[in-house]
Amino acid sequence: MREYVASLLDGPLPGDDDNLLDHGLDSVRLMMVADRLGVDFTDLAERPTLRAWAELAGD
């Protein structure tokens, strides 16, 4: 998942607890991540960090 998210961002990959929305991840890309992980868009938007998403995905 980390590599996939990195491919969606223009800059360097943020840290595990950085807000990915602050690093340029927009709603369209957020929907792509939700689809790929098989989780709800709202869950990702409420906790937009790599650590939280890994927990949601069961990684």
N, C-alpha and C. Protein backbone atom coordinates (compact mmCIF):
# COMPACT_ATOMS: atom_id res chain seq x y z
N MET A 1 0.81 -1.18 0.00
CA MET A 1 0.00 0.00 0.00
C MET A 1 0.87 1.26 0.00
N ARG A 2 1.94 1.22 0.72
CA ARG A 2 2.83 2.38 0.82
C ARG A 2 3.32 2.81 -0.57
N GLU A 3 3.72 1.86 -1.39
CA GLU A 3 4.22 2.17 -2.72
C GLU A 3 3.11 2.73 -3.60
N TYR A 4 1.91 2.17 -3.45
CA TYR A 4 0.77 2.66 -4.24
C TYR A 4 0.46 4.11 -3.89
N VAL A 5 0.40 4.42 -2.61
CA VAL A 5 0.13 5.80 -2.19
C VAL A 5 1.25 6.72 -2.69
N ALA A 6 2.47 6.27 -2.61
CA ALA A 6 3.60 7.08 -3.09
C ALA A 6 3.44 7.41 -4.57
N SER A 7 2.91 6.47 -5.34
CA SER A 7 2.73 6.70 -6.77
C SER A 7 1.66 7.76 -7.05
N LEU A 8 0.79 8.02 -6.08
CA LEU A 8 -0.28 9.00 -6.25
C LEU A 8 0.13 10.40 -5.83
N LEU A 9 1.26 10.52 -5.16
CA LEU A 9 1.73 11.81 -4.66
C LEU A 9 2.87 12.33 -5.52
N ASP A 10 3.01 13.63 -5.60
CA ASP A 10 4.06 14.23 -6.41
C ASP A 10 5.40 14.33 -5.68
N GLY A 11 5.35 14.46 -4.38
CA GLY A 11 6.57 14.63 -3.61
C GLY A 11 7.01 13.34 -2.95
N PRO A 12 7.91 13.47 -1.99
CA PRO A 12 8.37 12.29 -1.25
C PRO A 12 7.24 11.71 -0.40
N LEU A 13 7.36 10.44 -0.11
CA LEU A 13 6.35 9.76 0.70
C LEU A 13 6.35 10.32 2.12
N PRO A 14 5.19 10.74 2.61
CA PRO A 14 5.11 11.25 3.98
C PRO A 14 5.36 10.14 5.01
N GLY A 15 5.57 10.55 6.24
CA GLY A 15 5.72 9.60 7.33
C GLY A 15 4.41 8.90 7.64
N ASP A 16 4.48 7.87 8.45
CA ASP A 16 3.31 7.05 8.77
C ASP A 16 2.17 7.83 9.41
N ASP A 17 2.48 8.89 10.13
CA ASP A 17 1.44 9.64 10.83
C ASP A 17 1.16 11.01 10.22
N ASP A 18 1.73 11.29 9.06
CA ASP A 18 1.48 12.55 8.38
C ASP A 18 0.12 12.51 7.69
N ASN A 19 -0.55 13.66 7.65
CA ASN A 19 -1.84 13.77 6.98
C ASN A 19 -1.61 13.77 5.47
N LEU A 20 -2.11 12.74 4.80
CA LEU A 20 -1.87 12.60 3.36
C LEU A 20 -2.62 13.65 2.54
N LEU A 21 -3.69 14.18 3.08
CA LEU A 21 -4.41 15.24 2.38
C LEU A 21 -3.57 16.51 2.33
N ASP A 22 -2.78 16.74 3.38
CA ASP A 22 -1.87 17.88 3.41
C ASP A 22 -0.72 17.72 2.43
N HIS A 23 -0.49 16.49 1.98
CA HIS A 23 0.60 16.20 1.05
C HIS A 23 0.10 16.06 -0.39
N GLY A 24 -1.13 16.53 -0.64
CA GLY A 24 -1.61 16.59 -2.01
C GLY A 24 -2.54 15.49 -2.47
N LEU A 25 -2.91 14.58 -1.59
CA LEU A 25 -3.84 13.53 -1.99
C LEU A 25 -5.25 14.12 -2.05
N ASP A 26 -5.85 14.12 -3.24
CA ASP A 26 -7.17 14.72 -3.41
C ASP A 26 -8.26 13.65 -3.32
N SER A 27 -9.51 14.08 -3.41
CA SER A 27 -10.63 13.16 -3.21
C SER A 27 -10.71 12.08 -4.28
N VAL A 28 -10.34 12.39 -5.50
CA VAL A 28 -10.37 11.38 -6.56
C VAL A 28 -9.36 10.28 -6.27
N ARG A 29 -8.17 10.67 -5.89
CA ARG A 29 -7.14 9.68 -5.55
C ARG A 29 -7.52 8.92 -4.28
N LEU A 30 -8.17 9.60 -3.36
CA LEU A 30 -8.63 8.95 -2.14
C LEU A 30 -9.64 7.85 -2.47
N MET A 31 -10.52 8.11 -3.44
CA MET A 31 -11.47 7.08 -3.89
C MET A 31 -10.74 5.90 -4.53
N MET A 32 -9.67 6.17 -5.24
CA MET A 32 -8.88 5.09 -5.85
C MET A 32 -8.26 4.21 -4.77
N VAL A 33 -7.75 4.83 -3.72
CA VAL A 33 -7.16 4.08 -2.61
C VAL A 33 -8.24 3.24 -1.92
N ALA A 34 -9.40 3.83 -1.67
CA ALA A 34 -10.50 3.11 -1.02
C ALA A 34 -10.88 1.88 -1.82
N ASP A 35 -10.98 2.04 -3.13
CA ASP A 35 -11.32 0.91 -4.00
C ASP A 35 -10.25 -0.16 -3.95
N ARG A 36 -9.02 0.25 -4.03
CA ARG A 36 -7.91 -0.72 -4.02
C ARG A 36 -7.82 -1.49 -2.70
N LEU A 37 -8.06 -0.79 -1.58
CA LEU A 37 -7.97 -1.44 -0.27
C LEU A 37 -9.25 -2.16 0.12
N GLY A 38 -10.34 -1.85 -0.59
CA GLY A 38 -11.63 -2.46 -0.25
C GLY A 38 -12.20 -1.93 1.05
N VAL A 39 -11.99 -0.64 1.29
CA VAL A 39 -12.50 0.00 2.50
C VAL A 39 -13.35 1.20 2.12
N ASP A 40 -14.05 1.75 3.09
CA ASP A 40 -14.94 2.87 2.86
C ASP A 40 -14.17 4.19 2.72
N PHE A 41 -14.56 4.97 1.73
CA PHE A 41 -13.95 6.27 1.48
C PHE A 41 -13.95 7.14 2.74
N THR A 42 -15.07 7.14 3.45
CA THR A 42 -15.21 7.98 4.65
C THR A 42 -14.19 7.60 5.71
N ASP A 43 -13.94 6.30 5.88
CA ASP A 43 -12.95 5.86 6.87
C ASP A 43 -11.57 6.40 6.53
N LEU A 44 -11.23 6.40 5.25
CA LEU A 44 -9.92 6.93 4.84
C LEU A 44 -9.85 8.43 5.05
N ALA A 45 -10.92 9.12 4.72
CA ALA A 45 -10.94 10.58 4.83
C ALA A 45 -10.88 11.04 6.29
N GLU A 46 -11.48 10.27 7.18
CA GLU A 46 -11.48 10.65 8.60
C GLU A 46 -10.11 10.47 9.25
N ARG A 47 -9.33 9.52 8.74
CA ARG A 47 -8.01 9.24 9.31
C ARG A 47 -7.00 9.09 8.17
N PRO A 48 -6.60 10.20 7.54
CA PRO A 48 -5.78 10.14 6.34
C PRO A 48 -4.28 9.99 6.59
N THR A 49 -3.91 8.90 7.26
CA THR A 49 -2.48 8.62 7.47
C THR A 49 -2.18 7.20 7.01
N LEU A 50 -0.95 6.95 6.66
CA LEU A 50 -0.55 5.60 6.25
C LEU A 50 -0.79 4.59 7.37
N ARG A 51 -0.49 4.98 8.59
CA ARG A 51 -0.67 4.06 9.72
C ARG A 51 -2.14 3.66 9.88
N ALA A 52 -3.04 4.64 9.83
CA ALA A 52 -4.47 4.35 9.97
C ALA A 52 -4.97 3.49 8.82
N TRP A 53 -4.51 3.77 7.62
CA TRP A 53 -4.96 3.00 6.47
C TRP A 53 -4.45 1.57 6.53
N ALA A 54 -3.25 1.38 7.02
CA ALA A 54 -2.73 0.02 7.17
C ALA A 54 -3.57 -0.76 8.18
N GLU A 55 -3.99 -0.09 9.24
CA GLU A 55 -4.87 -0.74 10.22
C GLU A 55 -6.21 -1.11 9.59
N LEU A 56 -6.78 -0.20 8.81
CA LEU A 56 -8.06 -0.48 8.15
C LEU A 56 -7.94 -1.64 7.16
N ALA A 57 -6.82 -1.70 6.47
CA ALA A 57 -6.61 -2.74 5.46
C ALA A 57 -6.17 -4.06 6.07
N GLY A 58 -5.83 -4.03 7.35
CA GLY A 58 -5.39 -5.25 8.01
C GLY A 58 -3.94 -5.60 7.73
N ASP A 59 -3.15 -4.60 7.31
CA ASP A 59 -1.72 -4.83 7.04
C ASP A 59 -0.92 -4.79 8.32
